[in-house]
C-alpha atoms as a PDB file:
ATOM      1  CA  UNK A   1      -0.106  -0.021   0.300  1.00  0.00           C
ATOM      2  CA  UNK A   2       0.807   3.314  -0.004  1.00  0.00           C
ATOM      3  CA  UNK A   3       0.149   6.280   2.023  1.00  0.00           C
ATOM      4  CA  UNK A   4      -0.532   9.620   0.272  1.00  0.00           C
ATOM      5  CA  UNK A   5       0.773  12.402   2.751  1.00  0.00           C
ATOM      6  CA  UNK A   6      -1.038  15.671   3.608  1.00  0.00           C
ATOM      7  CA  UNK A   7      -0.380  18.735   2.169  1.00  0.00           C
ATOM      8  CA  UNK A   8       1.535  21.072   4.394  1.00  0.00           C
ATOM      9  CA  UNK A   9       2.622  18.214   6.918  1.00  0.00           C
ATOM     10  CA  UNK A  10       5.341  19.072   9.259  1.00  0.00           C
ATOM     11  CA  UNK A  11       8.226  17.100   9.620  1.00  0.00           C
ATOM     12  CA  UNK A  12       7.432  16.006  12.688  1.00  0.00           C
ATOM     13  CA  UNK A  13       3.795  14.489  11.254  1.00  0.00           C
ATOM     14  CA  UNK A  14       5.671  12.540   8.571  1.00  0.00           C
ATOM     15  CA  UNK A  15       8.399  11.124  11.082  1.00  0.00           C
ATOM     16  CA  UNK A  16       5.267  10.301  12.702  1.00  0.00           C
ATOM     17  CA  UNK A  17       4.161   8.063  10.620  1.00  0.00           C
ATOM     18  CA  UNK A  18       7.227   6.704   9.286  1.00  0.00           C
ATOM     19  CA  UNK A  19       8.121   5.745  12.965  1.00  0.00           C
ATOM     20  CA  UNK A  20       4.638   3.890  13.322  1.00  0.00           C
ATOM     21  CA  UNK A  21       5.242   1.885   9.877  1.00  0.00           C
ATOM     22  CA  UNK A  22       8.878   0.743  10.900  1.00  0.00           C
ATOM     23  CA  UNK A  23       8.379   0.195  14.642  1.00  0.00           C
ATOM     24  CA  UNK A  24       6.232  -3.202  13.288  1.00  0.00           C
ATOM     25  CA  UNK A  25       9.091  -4.462  10.859  1.00  0.00           C
ATOM     26  CA  UNK A  26       8.289  -2.757   8.300  1.00  0.00           C
ATOM     27  CA  UNK A  27      10.225  -0.541   5.769  1.00  0.00           C
ATOM     28  CA  UNK A  28       9.174   2.809   3.930  1.00  0.00           C
ATOM     29  CA  UNK A  29      10.289   3.848   0.556  1.00  0.00           C
ATOM     30  CA  UNK A  30       9.183   8.049  -0.029  1.00  0.00           C
ATOM     31  CA  UNK A  31       8.733   9.568  -3.575  1.00  0.00           C
ATOM     32  CA  UNK A  32       8.728  13.198  -3.060  1.00  0.00           C
ATOM     33  CA  UNK A  33       6.801  15.062  -6.327  1.00  0.00           C
ATOM     34  CA  UNK A  34       5.875  18.437  -7.098  1.00  0.00           C
ATOM     35  CA  UNK A  35       2.222  17.749  -6.175  1.00  0.00           C
ATOM     36  CA  UNK A  36       2.016  14.998  -3.327  1.00  0.00           C
ATOM     37  CA  UNK A  37       4.419  13.103  -1.384  1.00  0.00           C
ATOM     38  CA  UNK A  38       4.040   9.632  -0.676  1.00  0.00           C
ATOM     39  CA  UNK A  39       5.390   6.868   1.661  1.00  0.00           C
ATOM     40  CA  UNK A  40       5.306   3.345   0.023  1.00  0.00           C
ATOM     41  CA  UNK A  41       5.316   0.453   2.297  1.00  0.00           C
ATOM     42  CA  UNK A  42       7.095  -2.456   1.433  1.00  0.00           C
ATOM     43  CA  UNK A  43       6.476  -6.023   3.649  1.00  0.00           C
ATOM     44  CA  UNK A  44       3.772  -7.844   5.307  1.00  0.00           C
ATOM     45  CA  UNK A  45       0.903  -5.691   5.399  1.00  0.00           C
ATOM     46  CA  UNK A  46      -0.834  -7.893   7.896  1.00  0.00           C
ATOM     47  CA  UNK A  47       1.297  -6.650  10.683  1.00  0.00           C
ATOM     48  CA  UNK A  48      -0.718  -2.748  10.754  1.00  0.00           C
ATOM     49  CA  UNK A  49      -3.920  -4.969  11.226  1.00  0.00           C
ATOM     50  CA  UNK A  50      -4.285  -3.107  14.573  1.00  0.00           C
ATOM     51  CA  UNK A  51      -2.919   0.279  13.198  1.00  0.00           C
ATOM     52  CA  UNK A  52      -4.828   2.698  12.701  1.00  0.00           C
ATOM     53  CA  UNK A  53      -2.538   4.849   9.997  1.00  0.00           C
ATOM     54  CA  UNK A  54      -5.394   7.218   8.712  1.00  0.00           C
ATOM     55  CA  UNK A  55      -5.645   8.346  12.341  1.00  0.00           C
ATOM     56  CA  UNK A  56      -2.171   9.917  11.780  1.00  0.00           C
ATOM     57  CA  UNK A  57      -2.435  13.921  11.227  1.00  0.00           C
ATOM     58  CA  UNK A  58      -0.077  13.702   8.529  1.00  0.00           C
ATOM     59  CA  UNK A  59      -1.793  11.411   6.454  1.00  0.00           C
ATOM     60  CA  UNK A  60      -4.337  12.110   3.759  1.00  0.00           C
ATOM     61  CA  UNK A  61      -5.343   8.540   2.275  1.00  0.00           C
ATOM     62  CA  UNK A  62      -4.648   5.277   2.399  1.00  0.00           C
ATOM     63  CA  UNK A  63      -3.926   3.462  -0.800  1.00  0.00           C
ATOM     64  CA  UNK A  64      -3.726  -0.221  -1.868  1.00  0.00           C
ATOM     65  CA  UNK A  65      -1.463  -1.396  -4.493  1.00  0.00           C
ATOM     66  CA  UNK A  66      -3.356  -3.928  -6.435  1.00  0.00           C
ATOM     67  CA  UNK A  67       0.213  -5.215  -8.546  1.00  0.00           C
ATOM     68  CA  UNK A  68       2.807  -7.289  -7.742  1.00  0.00           C
ATOM     69  CA  UNK A  69       5.191  -5.017  -8.502  1.00  0.00           C
ATOM     70  CA  UNK A  70       4.941  -2.078  -5.748  1.00  0.00           C
ATOM     71  CA  UNK A  71       7.851   0.537  -6.371  1.00  0.00           C
ATOM     72  CA  UNK A  72       7.746   0.265  -9.927  1.00  0.00           C
ATOM     73  CA  UNK A  73       4.498   0.791 -10.172  1.00  0.00           C
ATOM     74  CA  UNK A  74       3.181   4.236 -11.559  1.00  0.00           C
ATOM     75  CA  UNK A  75       0.684   4.371  -8.260  1.00  0.00           C
ATOM     76  CA  UNK A  76       3.493   4.593  -6.552  1.00  0.00           C
ATOM     77  CA  UNK A  77       5.263   7.766  -7.912  1.00  0.00           C
ATOM     78  CA  UNK A  78       2.939   9.258 -10.647  1.00  0.00           C
ATOM     79  CA  UNK A  79       5.172  11.152 -11.842  1.00  0.00           C
ATOM     80  CA  UNK A  80       7.991   9.552 -14.019  1.00  0.00           C
ATOM     81  CA  UNK A  81      11.776   8.959 -12.786  1.00  0.00           C
ATOM     82  CA  UNK A  82      14.286  11.467 -14.445  1.00  0.00           C
ATOM     83  CA  UNK A  83      17.958   9.816 -13.795  1.00  0.00           C
ATOM     84  CA  UNK A  84      20.806  12.614 -13.498  1.00  0.00           C
ATOM     85  CA  UNK A  85      23.635  12.610 -14.728  1.00  0.00           C
ATOM     86  CA  UNK A  86      26.767  15.219 -16.023  1.00  0.00           C
ATOM     87  CA  UNK A  87      25.248  16.467 -19.167  1.00  0.00           C
ATOM     88  CA  UNK A  88      22.733  14.120 -19.372  1.00  0.00           C
ATOM     89  CA  UNK A  89      18.702  13.126 -17.800  1.00  0.00           C
ATOM     90  CA  UNK A  90      17.465  10.055 -18.643  1.00  0.00           C
ATOM     91  CA  UNK A  91      13.526   9.833 -18.340  1.00  0.00           C
ATOM     92  CA  UNK A  92      12.996  13.405 -19.411  1.00  0.00           C
ATOM     93  CA  UNK A  93      12.458  15.167 -22.598  1.00  0.00           C
ATOM     94  CA  UNK A  94      15.327  14.413 -23.944  1.00  0.00           C
ATOM     95  CA  UNK A  95      16.191  11.065 -25.989  1.00  0.00           C
ATOM     96  CA  UNK A  96      19.481   9.722 -24.443  1.00  0.00           C
ATOM     97  CA  UNK A  97      21.624   7.344 -27.384  1.00  0.00           C
ATOM     98  CA  UNK A  98      24.267   4.643 -25.771  1.00  0.00           C
ATOM     99  CA  UNK A  99      26.302   3.540 -28.998  1.00  0.00           C
ATOM    100  CA  UNK A 100      29.537   1.489 -28.904  1.00  0.00           C
ATOM    101  CA  UNK A 101      30.609  -2.032 -29.917  1.00  0.00           C
ATOM    102  CA  UNK A 102      29.495  -5.319 -28.783  1.00  0.00           C
ATOM    103  CA  UNK A 103      32.684  -6.040 -27.575  1.00  0.00           C
ATOM    104  CA  UNK A 104      35.274  -4.290 -26.343  1.00  0.00           C
ATOM    105  CA  UNK A 105      38.271  -5.839 -28.957  1.00  0.00           C
ATOM    106  CA  UNK A 106      40.797  -3.573 -28.355  1.00  0.00           C
ATOM    107  CA  UNK A 107      42.523  -0.146 -27.555  1.00  0.00           C
ATOM    108  CA  UNK A 108      42.338   1.058 -31.300  1.00  0.00           C
ATOM    109  CA  UNK A 109      38.497  -0.140 -32.064  1.00  0.00           C
ATOM    110  CA  UNK A 110      37.152   1.092 -28.758  1.00  0.00           C
ATOM    111  CA  UNK A 111      38.786   4.334 -29.093  1.00  0.00           C
ATOM    112  CA  UNK A 112      37.558   5.191 -32.803  1.00  0.00           C
ATOM    113  CA  UNK A 113      33.896   3.812 -31.158  1.00  0.00           C
ATOM    114  CA  UNK A 114      33.726   6.398 -28.896  1.00  0.00           C
ATOM    115  CA  UNK A 115      34.762   9.189 -31.023  1.00  0.00           C
ATOM    116  CA  UNK A 116      33.009   8.504 -33.710  1.00  0.00           C
ATOM    117  CA  UNK A 117      29.382   7.700 -31.237  1.00  0.00           C
ATOM    118  CA  UNK A 118      30.509  11.109 -29.681  1.00  0.00           C
ATOM    119  CA  UNK A 119      30.497  13.306 -32.407  1.00  0.00           C
ATOM    120  CA  UNK A 120      26.888  11.508 -33.761  1.00  0.00           C
ATOM    121  CA  UNK A 121      25.199  12.729 -30.055  1.00  0.00           C
ATOM    122  CA  UNK A 122      25.499   9.591 -28.109  1.00  0.00           C
ATOM    123  CA  UNK A 123      26.175  10.047 -23.810  1.00  0.00           C
ATOM    124  CA  UNK A 124      26.756   6.955 -23.252  1.00  0.00           C
ATOM    125  CA  UNK A 125      29.694   4.388 -24.520  1.00  0.00           C
ATOM    126  CA  UNK A 126      28.529   0.962 -24.362  1.00  0.00           C
ATOM    127  CA  UNK A 127      30.966  -1.668 -24.843  1.00  0.00           C
ATOM    128  CA  UNK A 128      31.029  -5.335 -23.752  1.00  0.00           C
ATOM    129  CA  UNK A 129      33.704  -6.769 -21.298  1.00  0.00           C
ATOM    130  CA  UNK A 130      31.869  -9.591 -19.868  1.00  0.00           C
ATOM    131  CA  UNK A 131      30.516 -11.643 -22.694  1.00  0.00           C
ATOM    132  CA  UNK A 132      28.273 -14.199 -21.634  1.00  0.00           C
ATOM    133  CA  UNK A 133      27.949 -16.225 -25.337  1.00  0.00           C
ATOM    134  CA  UNK A 134      26.091 -19.200 -26.080  1.00  0.00           C
ATOM    135  CA  UNK A 135      29.268 -20.810 -26.934  1.00  0.00           C
ATOM    136  CA  UNK A 136      31.256 -21.500 -24.408  1.00  0.00           C
ATOM    137  CA  UNK A 137      34.472 -21.378 -27.535  1.00  0.00           C
ATOM    138  CA  UNK A 138      32.720 -17.845 -28.855  1.00  0.00           C
ATOM    139  CA  UNK A 139      34.536 -14.792 -27.700  1.00  0.00           C
ATOM    140  CA  UNK A 140      34.260 -14.006 -23.643  1.00  0.00           C
ATOM    141  CA  UNK A 141      35.637 -10.497 -23.666  1.00  0.00           C
ATOM    142  CA  UNK A 142      38.318  -8.834 -22.538  1.00  0.00           C
ATOM    143  CA  UNK A 143      36.947  -8.457 -18.455  1.00  0.00           C
ATOM    144  CA  UNK A 144      38.458  -6.099 -16.567  1.00  0.00           C
ATOM    145  CA  UNK A 145      40.801  -4.736 -18.765  1.00  0.00           C
ATOM    146  CA  UNK A 146      38.125  -4.347 -21.443  1.00  0.00           C
ATOM    147  CA  UNK A 147      36.919  -1.887 -18.859  1.00  0.00           C
ATOM    148  CA  UNK A 148      39.707  -0.416 -18.315  1.00  0.00           C
ATOM    149  CA  UNK A 149      40.061   0.548 -21.751  1.00  0.00           C
ATOM    150  CA  UNK A 150      36.559   1.703 -22.616  1.00  0.00           C
ATOM    151  CA  UNK A 151      36.854   3.864 -19.518  1.00  0.00           C
ATOM    152  CA  UNK A 152      39.775   5.928 -20.626  1.00  0.00           C
ATOM    153  CA  UNK A 153      38.366   6.232 -24.287  1.00  0.00           C
ATOM    154  CA  UNK A 154      34.870   7.742 -22.360  1.00  0.00           C
ATOM    155  CA  UNK A 155      36.880  10.001 -20.381  1.00  0.00           C
ATOM    156  CA  UNK A 156      39.132  10.721 -23.823  1.00  0.00           C
ATOM    157  CA  UNK A 157      35.515  11.859 -25.508  1.00  0.00           C
ATOM    158  CA  UNK A 158      33.406  13.338 -22.786  1.00  0.00           C
ATOM    159  CA  UNK A 159      31.339  10.263 -22.749  1.00  0.00           C
ATOM    160  CA  UNK A 160      29.448   7.945 -19.543  1.00  0.00           C
ATOM    161  CA  UNK A 161      30.120   4.304 -20.078  1.00  0.00           C
ATOM    162  CA  UNK A 162      27.772   1.833 -19.469  1.00  0.00           C
ATOM    163  CA  UNK A 163      28.564  -2.243 -19.551  1.00  0.00           C
ATOM    164  CA  UNK A 164      27.031  -5.469 -18.551  1.00  0.00           C
ATOM    165  CA  UNK A 165      28.247  -7.258 -15.670  1.00  0.00           C
ATOM    166  CA  UNK A 166      27.355 -11.132 -15.020  1.00  0.00           C
ATOM    167  CA  UNK A 167      28.376 -12.027 -11.438  1.00  0.00           C
ATOM    168  CA  UNK A 168      27.956 -10.395  -8.489  1.00  0.00           C
ATOM    169  CA  UNK A 169      31.554 -11.187  -8.007  1.00  0.00           C
ATOM    170  CA  UNK A 170      32.795  -8.897 -10.372  1.00  0.00           C
ATOM    171  CA  UNK A 171      30.455  -5.771  -9.292  1.00  0.00           C
ATOM    172  CA  UNK A 172      33.031  -3.904  -6.762  1.00  0.00           C
ATOM    173  CA  UNK A 173      36.167  -4.540  -9.431  1.00  0.00           C
ATOM    174  CA  UNK A 174      33.759  -2.892 -12.081  1.00  0.00           C
ATOM    175  CA  UNK A 175      32.151   0.037 -10.397  1.00  0.00           C
ATOM    176  CA  UNK A 176      35.612   2.087 -10.748  1.00  0.00           C
ATOM    177  CA  UNK A 177      35.091   1.960 -14.338  1.00  0.00           C
ATOM    178  CA  UNK A 178      31.442   2.460 -15.383  1.00  0.00           C
ATOM    179  CA  UNK A 179      28.429   5.159 -14.620  1.00  0.00           C
ATOM    180  CA  UNK A 180      25.630   2.448 -15.117  1.00  0.00           C
ATOM    181  CA  UNK A 181      25.591  -1.432 -15.225  1.00  0.00           C
ATOM    182  CA  UNK A 182      23.861  -3.109 -17.707  1.00  0.00           C
ATOM    183  CA  UNK A 183      21.852  -6.219 -16.275  1.00  0.00           C
ATOM    184  CA  UNK A 184      21.813  -8.271 -19.680  1.00  0.00           C
ATOM    185  CA  UNK A 185      18.637 -10.588 -20.777  1.00  0.00           C
ATOM    186  CA  UNK A 186      20.386 -13.913 -19.683  1.00  0.00           C
ATOM    187  CA  UNK A 187      20.814 -12.380 -16.311  1.00  0.00           C
ATOM    188  CA  UNK A 188      16.978 -10.671 -15.646  1.00  0.00           C
ATOM    189  CA  UNK A 189      15.918 -13.064 -13.896  1.00  0.00           C
ATOM    190  CA  UNK A 190      19.130 -13.407 -11.571  1.00  0.00           C
ATOM    191  CA  UNK A 191      17.898 -12.304  -8.401  1.00  0.00           C
ATOM    192  CA  UNK A 192      21.085 -12.637  -6.197  1.00  0.00           C
ATOM    193  CA  UNK A 193      22.931 -10.097  -8.862  1.00  0.00           C
ATOM    194  CA  UNK A 194      19.922  -7.127  -9.038  1.00  0.00           C
ATOM    195  CA  UNK A 195      19.543  -7.354  -5.162  1.00  0.00           C
ATOM    196  CA  UNK A 196      23.404  -6.821  -5.220  1.00  0.00           C
ATOM    197  CA  UNK A 197      23.281  -3.726  -7.639  1.00  0.00           C
ATOM    198  CA  UNK A 198      20.499  -2.571  -5.724  1.00  0.00           C
ATOM    199  CA  UNK A 199      22.718  -2.693  -2.586  1.00  0.00           C
ATOM    200  CA  UNK A 200      25.505  -0.978  -4.775  1.00  0.00           C
ATOM    201  CA  UNK A 201      23.429   1.994  -5.923  1.00  0.00           C
ATOM    202  CA  UNK A 202      24.598   2.170  -9.171  1.00  0.00           C
ATOM    203  CA  UNK A 203      22.235   3.153 -12.113  1.00  0.00           C
ATOM    204  CA  UNK A 204      21.195   0.165 -13.699  1.00  0.00           C
ATOM    205  CA  UNK A 205      19.776  -0.518 -17.615  1.00  0.00           C
ATOM    206  CA  UNK A 206      17.752  -3.946 -17.013  1.00  0.00           C
ATOM    207  CA  UNK A 207      17.453  -5.672 -20.009  1.00  0.00           C
ATOM    208  CA  UNK A 208      13.571  -7.623 -20.508  1.00  0.00           C
ATOM    209  CA  UNK A 209      14.438 -11.539 -20.626  1.00  0.00           C
ATOM    210  CA  UNK A 210      14.423 -13.471 -23.706  1.00  0.00           C
ATOM    211  CA  UNK A 211      11.229 -14.592 -22.680  1.00  0.00           C
ATOM    212  CA  UNK A 212      10.251 -12.636 -19.872  1.00  0.00           C
ATOM    213  CA  UNK A 213       6.455 -11.080 -19.552  1.00  0.00           C
ATOM    214  CA  UNK A 214       6.461  -7.248 -18.563  1.00  0.00           C
ATOM    215  CA  UNK A 215       5.193  -8.262 -15.421  1.00  0.00           C
ATOM    216  CA  UNK A 216       8.288 -10.249 -14.673  1.00  0.00           C
ATOM    217  CA  UNK A 217      10.149  -7.513 -16.124  1.00  0.00           C
ATOM    218  CA  UNK A 218       8.623  -5.327 -13.635  1.00  0.00           C
ATOM    219  CA  UNK A 219       9.114  -7.550 -11.063  1.00  0.00           C
ATOM    220  CA  UNK A 220      12.915  -8.340 -11.252  1.00  0.00           C
ATOM    221  CA  UNK A 221      13.148  -4.408 -11.145  1.00  0.00           C
ATOM    222  CA  UNK A 222      11.447  -4.830  -7.892  1.00  0.00           C
ATOM    223  CA  UNK A 223      14.966  -6.292  -6.631  1.00  0.00           C
ATOM    224  CA  UNK A 224      16.642  -3.425  -7.528  1.00  0.00           C
ATOM    225  CA  UNK A 225      14.379  -1.009  -5.898  1.00  0.00           C
ATOM    226  CA  UNK A 226      13.314  -2.740  -2.680  1.00  0.00           C
ATOM    227  CA  UNK A 227      17.358  -2.693  -1.460  1.00  0.00           C
ATOM    228  CA  UNK A 228      17.405   1.514  -2.366  1.00  0.00           C
ATOM    229  CA  UNK A 229      19.018   1.659  -5.721  1.00  0.00           C
ATOM    230  CA  UNK A 230      15.849   3.617  -7.636  1.00  0.00           C
ATOM    231  CA  UNK A 231      17.966   4.508 -10.629  1.00  0.00           C
ATOM    232  CA  UNK A 232      16.675   2.192 -12.886  1.00  0.00           C
ATOM    233  CA  UNK A 233      15.988   1.791 -16.438  1.00  0.00           C
ATOM    234  CA  UNK A 234      13.862  -0.683 -17.975  1.00  0.00           C
ATOM    235  CA  UNK A 235      15.330  -1.996 -21.433  1.00  0.00           C
ATOM    236  CA  UNK A 236      12.971  -4.037 -24.370  1.00  0.00           C
ATOM    237  CA  UNK A 237      15.115  -5.993 -26.259  1.00  0.00           C
ATOM    238  CA  UNK A 238      12.978  -8.452 -27.930  1.00  0.00           C
ATOM    239  CA  UNK A 239      11.348 -11.651 -27.078  1.00  0.00           C
ATOM    240  CA  UNK A 240      11.551 -14.995 -28.690  1.00  0.00           C
ATOM    241  CA  UNK A 241       8.721 -16.163 -30.545  1.00  0.00           C
ATOM    242  CA  UNK A 242       8.133 -18.308 -33.471  1.00  0.00           C
ATOM    243  CA  UNK A 243       9.504 -15.802 -35.798  1.00  0.00           C
ATOM    244  CA  UNK A 244      12.796 -16.215 -37.520  1.00  0.00           C
ATOM    245  CA  UNK A 245      13.001 -13.319 -39.923  1.00  0.00           C
ATOM    246  CA  UNK A 246      14.899 -11.608 -37.040  1.00  0.00           C
ATOM    247  CA  UNK A 247      17.094 -12.957 -33.900  1.00  0.00           C
ATOM    248  CA  UNK A 248      14.301 -11.769 -31.481  1.00  0.00           C
ATOM    249  CA  UNK A 249      10.950 -10.074 -31.604  1.00  0.00           C
ATOM    250  CA  UNK A 250      10.897  -6.457 -30.862  1.00  0.00           C
ATOM    251  CA  UNK A 251       7.853  -5.948 -28.656  1.00  0.00           C
ATOM    252  CA  UNK A 252       7.333  -2.667 -29.665  1.00  0.00           C
ATOM    253  CA  UNK A 253       4.241  -2.515 -27.579  1.00  0.00           C
ATOM    254  CA  UNK A 254       5.999  -2.861 -24.367  1.00  0.00           C
ATOM    255  CA  UNK A 255       7.239   0.914 -24.715  1.00  0.00           C
ATOM    256  CA  UNK A 256       3.685   2.246 -24.323  1.00  0.00           C
ATOM    257  CA  UNK A 257       3.024  -0.500 -22.090  1.00  0.00           C
ATOM    258  CA  UNK A 258       5.464  -0.465 -19.266  1.00  0.00           C
ATOM    259  CA  UNK A 259       4.939   3.757 -19.826  1.00  0.00           C
ATOM    260  CA  UNK A 260       1.420   3.735 -18.398  1.00  0.00           C
ATOM    261  CA  UNK A 261       2.242   0.865 -15.805  1.00  0.00           C
ATOM    262  CA  UNK A 262       6.221   2.483 -14.512  1.00  0.00           C
ATOM    263  CA  UNK A 263       7.497   5.754 -13.399  1.00  0.00           C
ATOM    264  CA  UNK A 264      10.640   4.370 -14.508  1.00  0.00           C
ATOM    265  CA  UNK A 265      12.746   5.362 -18.232  1.00  0.00           C
ATOM    266  CA  UNK A 266      12.171   2.891 -20.607  1.00  0.00           C
ATOM    267  CA  UNK A 267      14.940   1.786 -23.195  1.00  0.00           C
ATOM    268  CA  UNK A 268      15.037   0.087 -26.263  1.00  0.00           C
ATOM    269  CA  UNK A 269      17.477  -2.321 -27.706  1.00  0.00           C
ATOM    270  CA  UNK A 270      17.272  -2.462 -31.978  1.00  0.00           C
ATOM    271  CA  UNK A 271      20.225  -4.078 -32.228  1.00  0.00           C
ATOM    272  CA  UNK A 272      19.124  -7.213 -30.186  1.00  0.00           C
ATOM    273  CA  UNK A 273      16.161  -7.659 -31.488  1.00  0.00           C
ATOM    274  CA  UNK A 274      16.830  -7.030 -35.134  1.00  0.00           C
ATOM    275  CA  UNK A 275      20.230  -9.518 -35.315  1.00  0.00           C
ATOM    276  CA  UNK A 276      20.454  -8.298 -38.584  1.00  0.00           C
ATOM    277  CA  UNK A 277      22.092  -4.316 -39.103  1.00  0.00           C
ATOM    278  CA  UNK A 278      19.830  -3.265 -41.953  1.00  0.00           C
ATOM    279  CA  UNK A 279      16.666  -3.419 -39.661  1.00  0.00           C
ATOM    280  CA  UNK A 280      18.502  -1.070 -36.640  1.00  0.00           C
ATOM    281  CA  UNK A 281      17.609   2.183 -38.384  1.00  0.00           C
ATOM    282  CA  UNK A 282      13.533   1.434 -38.866  1.00  0.00           C
ATOM    283  CA  UNK A 283      13.598  -0.206 -35.729  1.00  0.00           C
ATOM    284  CA  UNK A 284      15.196   2.718 -33.841  1.00  0.00           C
ATOM    285  CA  UNK A 285      12.932   4.894 -35.339  1.00  0.00           C
ATOM    286  CA  UNK A 286       9.659   3.100 -34.467  1.00  0.00           C
ATOM    287  CA  UNK A 287      10.441   2.999 -30.613  1.00  0.00           C
ATOM    288  CA  UNK A 288      10.973   6.894 -30.413  1.00  0.00           C
ATOM    289  CA  UNK A 289       7.835   6.867 -32.261  1.00  0.00           C
ATOM    290  CA  UNK A 290       6.841   4.541 -29.374  1.00  0.00           C
ATOM    291  CA  UNK A 291       7.460   6.812 -26.899  1.00  0.00           C
ATOM    292  CA  UNK A 292      10.788   5.192 -25.902  1.00  0.00           C
ATOM    293  CA  UNK A 293      13.308   7.237 -23.543  1.00  0.00           C
ATOM    294  CA  UNK A 294      16.654   6.247 -25.055  1.00  0.00           C
ATOM    295  CA  UNK A 295      17.955   3.453 -27.640  1.00  0.00           C
ATOM    296  CA  UNK A 296      21.450   1.236 -26.930  1.00  0.00           C
ATOM    297  CA  UNK A 297      22.506   0.672 -30.446  1.00  0.00           C
ATOM    298  CA  UNK A 298      25.792  -1.780 -31.202  1.00  0.00           C
ATOM    299  CA  UNK A 299      28.253   0.228 -33.357  1.00  0.00           C
ATOM    300  CA  UNK A 300      31.593  -0.811 -34.735  1.00  0.00           C
ATOM    301  CA  UNK A 301      34.464   0.160 -36.764  1.00  0.00           C
ATOM    302  CA  UNK A 302      34.005  -2.988 -39.009  1.00  0.00           C
ATOM    303  CA  UNK A 303      31.181  -4.703 -38.425  1.00  0.00           C
ATOM    304  CA  UNK A 304      32.099  -7.629 -40.773  1.00  0.00           C
ATOM    305  CA  UNK A 305      35.412  -8.570 -39.057  1.00  0.00           C
ATOM    306  CA  UNK A 306      33.544  -7.831 -35.203  1.00  0.00           C
ATOM    307  CA  UNK A 307      34.584 -10.864 -33.210  1.00  0.00           C
ATOM    308  CA  UNK A 308      31.026 -11.083 -31.534  1.00  0.00           C
ATOM    309  CA  UNK A 309      27.642  -9.943 -33.385  1.00  0.00           C
ATOM    310  CA  UNK A 310      29.051  -8.947 -36.337  1.00  0.00           C
ATOM    311  CA  UNK A 311      25.667  -9.027 -38.411  1.00  0.00           C
ATOM    312  CA  UNK A 312      23.598  -6.167 -36.148  1.00  0.00           C
ATOM    313  CA  UNK A 313      26.040  -4.018 -35.733  1.00  0.00           C
ATOM    314  CA  UNK A 314      25.927  -0.754 -37.650  1.00  0.00           C
ATOM    315  CA  UNK A 315      28.916   1.278 -39.324  1.00  0.00           C
ATOM    316  CA  UNK A 316      29.816   4.892 -37.693  1.00  0.00           C
ATOM    317  CA  UNK A 317      27.800   6.292 -41.224  1.00  0.00           C
ATOM    318  CA  UNK A 318      24.675   4.322 -40.269  1.00  0.00           C
ATOM    319  CA  UNK A 319      25.068   5.522 -36.779  1.00  0.00           C
ATOM    320  CA  UNK A 320      25.288   9.073 -37.632  1.00  0.00           C
ATOM    321  CA  UNK A 321      22.406   8.920 -40.443  1.00  0.00           C
ATOM    322  CA  UNK A 322      20.032   7.520 -37.741  1.00  0.00           C
ATOM    323  CA  UNK A 323      21.186  10.174 -35.282  1.00  0.00           C
ATOM    324  CA  UNK A 324      19.837  12.750 -37.926  1.00  0.00           C
ATOM    325  CA  UNK A 325      16.654  11.127 -38.407  1.00  0.00           C
ATOM    326  CA  UNK A 326      16.150  10.524 -34.708  1.00  0.00           C
ATOM    327  CA  UNK A 327      16.646  14.135 -34.402  1.00  0.00           C
ATOM    328  CA  UNK A 328      14.516  15.659 -37.159  1.00  0.00           C
ATOM    329  CA  UNK A 329      11.966  13.409 -35.846  1.00  0.00           C
ATOM    330  CA  UNK A 330      11.730  14.033 -31.770  1.00  0.00           C
ATOM    331  CA  UNK A 331      10.398  17.114 -31.986  1.00  0.00           C
ATOM    332  CA  UNK A 332       7.253  15.651 -33.533  1.00  0.00           C
ATOM    333  CA  UNK A 333       6.632  13.119 -30.493  1.00  0.00           C
ATOM    334  CA  UNK A 334       7.431  16.383 -28.103  1.00  0.00           C
ATOM    335  CA  UNK A 335      11.294  15.135 -27.370  1.00  0.00           C
ATOM    336  CA  UNK A 336      13.889  16.118 -28.288  1.00  0.00           C
ATOM    337  CA  UNK A 337      17.955  15.208 -29.355  1.00  0.00           C
ATOM    338  CA  UNK A 338      20.978  16.798 -30.697  1.00  0.00           C
ATOM    339  CA  UNK A 339      22.727  15.524 -33.571  1.00  0.00           C
ATOM    340  CA  UNK A 340      26.893  16.125 -33.395  1.00  0.00           C
ATOM    341  CA  UNK A 341      28.691  16.425 -30.351  1.00  0.00           C
END
């Protein structure tokens, strides 16, 4: 349930509400908007059965949340969440681009990628250092050295870093090099990893699992939020269906569905959904039209010779043209995107 705090309530009255709830062994989460302050209650609500919360002077009303996800629900925070970074706000009017190679392969490759994506308008450099691959014989990434190379390239070109971590054991070391941790589709319901990321308070890009429903994605986000980390971005990246024309089926409807159900920002990964470079641009533009807050796109200096996911990575020139198209169409949907550094 959530408690709507009475307008004009004093800090002492708010403290009384919180103390009353927490004295029963429950946790509280605050959401302070421009119009209303909400206190979310997490835990077994039956513990409050003999506690008349509505009698407290600071309480305006009590609203039950019927969804299985609580903290990510738009009922908990009617205003959308905005995540602040230096030079970048995710969840506002701006469409944010994250771009770079599927995997960090060398210093030259990641430096060239950082320079190109920055020039086109990206705010984040993406790249894989820990690569969870279907085959154990495929390129597994440079791990910590890959993160170091990516951090240096991002610093040289004025970018932020987002990269995937596949184990909670790598999180502490990786935190020195990344501004946002990506939880990939294979780890979308790795609850131990999600809880550890929640405790870290590093901003999170949480991808939808390949066979995960929208509600399951929201429940997965709850593992991060319930540990105190509210800087979560959800990412649609395609789901498994009977269709084989693309690598996965991009569930474009998931974007407006998520925007209606949650206050969290929503991104789209058209590269993994498409599996083919030719489809990345049209899927990207469809995602913007559907209301996505940003895109994460695989871009490589020489896609044909990439060590992983060669077929779906686009060239620097293709990414630049896509960014120009997004800049042109963004105002139609009340958004903004600046093409160029």
